[in-house]
Amino acid sequence: MSFDPQEMRAARPLRHTAGRLAALPRGLAEIACLGALFLLVLPVAQAGLFPESLVAARAGALCGLAALLGIVAALFARHAPHAGFGPANAVTLARAALVALMATALFGPPPPPGWTLVAVAVGCLSLDGIDGWLARRTAMASAFGARFDMETDAALALVLAALAADRLGGWVLALGLARYTFVAATWAWPWLARPLPDRLSRKAVCVLQIGALIALQAPSVPTGAAVALAALTATALAWSFGRDVLWLRAARD
């Protein structure tokens, strides 16, 4: 939920500035190649999966992905956790491209293409279990990669919540805005930005959140059941975030 910039700096395995700078061209070249591939594939996927989406929506998703690539490259150049971008971060970048693909469906004729969205979202969620495994397998785990993965999860939740809001109402957006609300609150209360202890329950709630948001896209789920599932997920999120806030407040005192 929270992130400590000091942790990112401490996690750098490249201890010498010269070594870090020497590593940048390789990592940035990998980002550029992956980015070019995803930018070429995204319009084809948009036309094939969401043919009724607005042209402006497709262009917006494409521009959003391009902007993300620039941000990722800038952060990688600043923090450079390893000599290369790495397979784990490449998988996370692929997940981000899938989020951009799903965002295309936000601007099209209702109802949203339910089963297509479910398939893409399940694929995105499945990759979430691969990037962490790859990071550990290749000894390239880093605070940079963890943050990249976390923000991709947050973007996925926001897009899915926005898509579900078309059916259930604007209150469902709370399921996708929880993370961003917490981050915004750290500006007013800096003590909220302190690192939190790892908790399995927090990860479980995150899985529930994404899984429920995917289920809400399925046309076969009755509206009543969808409302109940969304309410249950909102309660779990409130409990998880509330417990962390109380822990951080106690740690501050």
Protein backbone atom coordinates (compact mmCIF):
# COMPACT_ATOMS: atom_id res chain seq x y z
CA MET A 1 0.00 0.00 0.00
CA SER A 2 2.77 2.42 0.82
CA PHE A 3 6.18 2.89 -0.68
CA ASP A 4 9.40 4.21 0.76
CA PRO A 5 11.75 5.94 -1.72
CA GLN A 6 14.61 5.26 0.67
CA GLU A 7 13.96 1.54 0.21
CA MET A 8 14.33 1.88 -3.54
CA ARG A 9 17.65 3.61 -3.20
CA ALA A 10 18.86 1.06 -0.67
CA ALA A 11 17.88 -1.82 -2.94
CA ARG A 12 20.22 -0.86 -5.76
CA PRO A 13 22.75 -3.60 -6.39
CA LEU A 14 24.79 -1.27 -8.63
CA ARG A 15 26.75 0.57 -5.97
CA HIS A 16 28.99 2.63 -8.18
CA THR A 17 27.74 5.46 -10.35
CA ALA A 18 29.95 4.43 -13.25
CA GLY A 19 28.52 0.92 -13.22
CA ARG A 20 24.98 2.26 -13.03
CA LEU A 21 25.51 4.57 -15.99
CA ALA A 22 27.09 1.78 -17.99
CA ALA A 23 24.00 -0.34 -17.39
CA LEU A 24 21.54 2.26 -18.66
CA PRO A 25 21.95 1.82 -22.46
CA ARG A 26 21.11 -1.88 -22.29
CA GLY A 27 18.05 -1.43 -20.09
CA LEU A 28 16.75 1.56 -22.02
CA ALA A 29 17.25 -0.28 -25.31
CA GLU A 30 15.18 -3.18 -23.95
CA ILE A 31 12.41 -0.78 -22.91
CA ALA A 32 12.48 0.86 -26.35
CA CYS A 33 12.25 -2.48 -28.19
CA LEU A 34 9.44 -3.78 -25.97
CA GLY A 35 7.63 -0.47 -26.22
CA ALA A 36 7.82 -0.46 -30.01
CA LEU A 37 6.45 -4.01 -30.10
CA PHE A 38 3.52 -3.22 -27.80
CA LEU A 39 2.72 0.01 -29.64
CA LEU A 40 2.54 -1.94 -32.90
CA VAL A 41 0.44 -4.78 -31.49
CA LEU A 42 -2.00 -2.64 -29.48
CA PRO A 43 -3.88 -1.10 -32.48
CA VAL A 44 -4.28 -4.55 -34.04
CA ALA A 45 -5.64 -5.95 -30.77
CA GLN A 46 -7.97 -2.97 -30.37
CA ALA A 47 -9.44 -3.46 -33.84
CA GLY A 48 -9.82 -7.20 -33.35
CA LEU A 49 -11.20 -7.32 -29.81
CA PHE A 50 -13.05 -4.01 -29.54
CA PRO A 51 -14.06 -3.13 -33.12
CA GLU A 52 -16.90 -0.85 -31.98
CA SER A 53 -14.70 1.34 -29.77
CA LEU A 54 -14.26 4.95 -30.78
CA VAL A 55 -11.22 5.89 -32.84
CA ALA A 56 -10.43 8.58 -30.28
CA ALA A 57 -10.50 5.94 -27.54
CA ARG A 58 -8.04 3.76 -29.42
CA ALA A 59 -5.75 6.73 -30.00
CA GLY A 60 -6.05 7.75 -26.35
CA ALA A 61 -5.08 4.28 -25.11
CA LEU A 62 -2.14 4.27 -27.52
CA CYS A 63 -0.97 7.67 -26.29
CA GLY A 64 -1.40 6.54 -22.69
CA LEU A 65 0.80 3.52 -23.30
CA ALA A 66 3.41 5.69 -25.01
CA ALA A 67 3.39 8.07 -22.03
CA LEU A 68 3.77 5.13 -19.66
CA LEU A 69 6.79 3.90 -21.59
CA GLY A 70 8.39 7.32 -21.18
CA ILE A 71 7.72 7.32 -17.44
CA VAL A 72 9.08 3.79 -17.01
CA ALA A 73 12.21 4.68 -18.97
CA ALA A 74 12.75 7.82 -16.90
CA LEU A 75 12.34 5.95 -13.61
CA PHE A 76 14.58 3.14 -14.80
CA ALA A 77 17.26 5.66 -15.81
CA ARG A 78 17.04 7.23 -12.37
CA HIS A 79 17.00 4.08 -10.25
CA ALA A 80 18.57 1.44 -12.57
CA PRO A 81 18.15 -1.53 -10.21
CA HIS A 82 19.97 -3.96 -12.51
CA ALA A 83 22.08 -4.03 -15.65
CA GLY A 84 19.03 -4.71 -17.80
CA PHE A 85 15.29 -4.19 -17.72
CA GLY A 86 14.83 -7.90 -17.09
CA PRO A 87 12.17 -10.48 -18.00
CA ALA A 88 10.06 -9.80 -14.91
CA ASN A 89 9.67 -6.10 -15.71
CA ALA A 90 9.00 -7.04 -19.34
CA VAL A 91 6.05 -9.16 -18.19
CA THR A 92 4.79 -6.28 -16.05
CA LEU A 93 5.05 -3.99 -19.07
CA ALA A 94 3.00 -6.49 -21.06
CA ARG A 95 0.39 -6.36 -18.30
CA ALA A 96 0.34 -2.57 -18.57
CA ALA A 97 -0.26 -2.90 -22.31
CA LEU A 98 -3.22 -5.18 -21.58
CA VAL A 99 -4.61 -2.55 -19.20
CA ALA A 100 -4.33 0.02 -22.00
CA LEU A 101 -6.14 -2.42 -24.29
CA MET A 102 -9.01 -2.80 -21.81
CA ALA A 103 -9.20 0.97 -21.35
CA THR A 104 -10.22 1.16 -25.02
CA ALA A 105 -13.56 -0.41 -24.10
CA LEU A 106 -14.37 2.48 -21.76
CA PHE A 107 -15.38 4.60 -24.74
CA GLY A 108 -17.66 2.56 -26.91
CA PRO A 109 -21.35 1.76 -27.28
CA PRO A 110 -22.87 0.04 -24.20
CA PRO A 111 -22.86 -2.58 -22.95
CA PRO A 112 -19.11 -3.22 -22.64
CA PRO A 113 -17.92 -6.42 -24.38
CA GLY A 114 -18.17 -8.58 -21.25
CA TRP A 115 -16.61 -11.93 -22.08
CA THR A 116 -13.83 -10.36 -24.13
CA LEU A 117 -12.96 -8.16 -21.18
CA VAL A 118 -13.05 -11.13 -18.84
CA ALA A 119 -10.62 -13.06 -21.04
CA VAL A 120 -8.17 -10.16 -21.32
CA ALA A 121 -8.40 -9.37 -17.61
CA VAL A 122 -7.84 -13.00 -16.62
CA GLY A 123 -4.77 -13.05 -18.84
CA CYS A 124 -3.52 -9.88 -17.18
CA LEU A 125 -4.12 -11.32 -13.71
CA SER A 126 -2.39 -14.58 -14.64
CA LEU A 127 0.73 -12.70 -15.71
CA ASP A 128 0.78 -11.05 -12.29
CA GLY A 129 1.89 -14.34 -10.80
CA ILE A 130 4.63 -14.77 -13.39
CA ASP A 131 6.53 -11.50 -13.07
CA GLY A 132 7.25 -11.97 -9.36
CA TRP A 133 8.37 -15.55 -9.95
CA LEU A 134 10.65 -14.45 -12.78
CA ALA A 135 12.15 -11.70 -10.63
CA ARG A 136 13.08 -14.19 -7.94
CA ARG A 137 14.17 -16.85 -10.42
CA THR A 138 16.55 -14.50 -12.22
CA ALA A 139 17.72 -12.79 -9.00
CA MET A 140 16.44 -9.45 -10.35
CA ALA A 141 13.89 -8.61 -7.67
CA SER A 142 13.99 -4.92 -6.80
CA ALA A 143 11.96 -2.13 -5.24
CA PHE A 144 11.64 -0.63 -8.73
CA GLY A 145 10.02 -3.80 -10.07
CA ALA A 146 7.77 -4.16 -7.02
CA ARG A 147 6.53 -0.58 -7.42
CA PHE A 148 6.02 -1.04 -11.16
CA ASP A 149 3.96 -4.17 -10.47
CA MET A 150 1.91 -2.47 -7.75
CA GLU A 151 1.04 0.54 -9.91
CA THR A 152 0.04 -1.76 -12.77
CA ASP A 153 -2.32 -3.57 -10.39
CA ALA A 154 -3.78 -0.23 -9.33
CA ALA A 155 -4.34 0.84 -12.94
CA LEU A 156 -5.98 -2.51 -13.73
CA ALA A 157 -8.35 -2.13 -10.79
CA LEU A 158 -9.27 1.41 -11.82
CA VAL A 159 -10.04 0.45 -15.42
CA LEU A 160 -12.11 -2.57 -14.37
CA ALA A 161 -14.01 -0.50 -11.81
CA ALA A 162 -14.77 2.16 -14.42
CA LEU A 163 -16.08 -0.53 -16.77
CA ALA A 164 -18.24 -2.05 -14.02
CA ALA A 165 -19.64 1.39 -13.11
CA ASP A 166 -21.50 1.47 -16.41
CA ARG A 167 -23.65 -1.37 -15.09
CA LEU A 168 -23.70 -0.89 -11.32
CA GLY A 169 -23.28 2.83 -10.85
CA GLY A 170 -20.53 5.27 -9.96
CA TRP A 171 -20.09 3.97 -6.40
CA VAL A 172 -18.19 0.98 -7.80
CA LEU A 173 -15.36 3.36 -8.73
CA ALA A 174 -14.39 3.21 -5.05
CA LEU A 175 -13.01 -0.27 -5.74
CA GLY A 176 -10.52 1.20 -8.19
CA LEU A 177 -9.76 4.47 -6.42
CA ALA A 178 -8.77 3.04 -3.03
CA ARG A 179 -5.05 2.95 -3.77
CA TYR A 180 -5.03 6.44 -5.33
CA THR A 181 -7.01 7.87 -2.41
CA PHE A 182 -4.47 6.47 0.03
CA VAL A 183 -1.54 7.90 -1.96
CA ALA A 184 -3.25 11.30 -2.14
CA ALA A 185 -3.76 11.21 1.63
CA THR A 186 0.00 10.91 2.16
CA TRP A 187 0.38 14.49 0.94
CA ALA A 188 -1.75 15.72 3.82
CA TRP A 189 -0.47 13.19 6.36
CA PRO A 190 3.14 12.23 5.47
CA TRP A 191 3.24 9.57 8.18
CA LEU A 192 0.97 7.46 5.97
CA ALA A 193 3.90 7.03 3.55
CA ARG A 194 5.96 5.06 6.03
CA PRO A 195 6.71 1.43 5.11
CA LEU A 196 4.25 -1.19 6.25
CA PRO A 197 4.98 -4.73 7.45
CA ASP A 198 4.23 -7.48 4.95
CA ARG A 199 0.85 -9.05 5.55
CA LEU A 200 -0.64 -12.02 3.75
CA SER A 201 -4.11 -10.62 4.41
CA ARG A 202 -3.29 -7.47 2.42
CA LYS A 203 -2.28 -9.59 -0.57
CA ALA A 204 -5.43 -11.69 -0.18
CA VAL A 205 -7.63 -8.59 -0.25
CA CYS A 206 -5.82 -7.40 -3.38
CA VAL A 207 -6.51 -10.72 -5.09
CA LEU A 208 -10.16 -10.49 -3.98
CA GLN A 209 -10.36 -6.96 -5.36
CA ILE A 210 -9.06 -7.85 -8.82
CA GLY A 211 -10.92 -11.15 -8.96
CA ALA A 212 -14.21 -9.51 -8.01
CA LEU A 213 -13.74 -6.71 -10.54
CA ILE A 214 -13.14 -9.30 -13.25
CA ALA A 215 -16.26 -11.22 -12.20
CA LEU A 216 -18.29 -8.01 -12.44
CA GLN A 217 -17.52 -7.90 -16.18
CA ALA A 218 -19.16 -11.28 -16.80
CA PRO A 219 -22.63 -10.90 -18.40
CA SER A 220 -23.83 -14.10 -16.68
CA VAL A 221 -23.49 -12.62 -13.18
CA PRO A 222 -26.92 -11.30 -12.08
CA THR A 223 -27.06 -7.65 -11.10
CA GLY A 224 -28.05 -8.46 -7.52
CA ALA A 225 -25.12 -10.83 -7.10
CA ALA A 226 -22.79 -8.29 -8.72
CA VAL A 227 -23.89 -5.58 -6.26
CA ALA A 228 -23.38 -7.93 -3.31
CA LEU A 229 -19.92 -8.94 -4.56
CA ALA A 230 -18.90 -5.32 -5.09
CA ALA A 231 -20.16 -4.37 -1.61
CA LEU A 232 -18.26 -7.28 -0.03
CA THR A 233 -15.08 -6.24 -1.85
CA ALA A 234 -15.49 -2.62 -0.78
CA THR A 235 -15.87 -3.77 2.84
CA ALA A 236 -12.71 -5.89 2.61
CA LEU A 237 -10.77 -2.96 1.12
CA ALA A 238 -12.00 -0.60 3.82
CA TRP A 239 -10.93 -3.08 6.49
CA SER A 240 -7.49 -3.61 4.94
CA PHE A 241 -6.72 0.07 4.40
CA GLY A 242 -8.24 1.01 7.75
CA ARG A 243 -6.09 -1.48 9.62
CA ASP A 244 -2.96 -0.19 7.91
CA VAL A 245 -3.86 3.41 8.71
CA LEU A 246 -4.35 2.50 12.37
CA TRP A 247 -1.00 0.68 12.41
CA LEU A 248 0.78 3.66 10.86
CA ARG A 249 -0.85 6.04 13.31
CA ALA A 250 0.25 3.89 16.24
CA ALA A 251 3.78 3.69 14.82
CA ARG A 252 3.86 7.47 14.50
CA ASP A 253 2.85 7.91 18.15
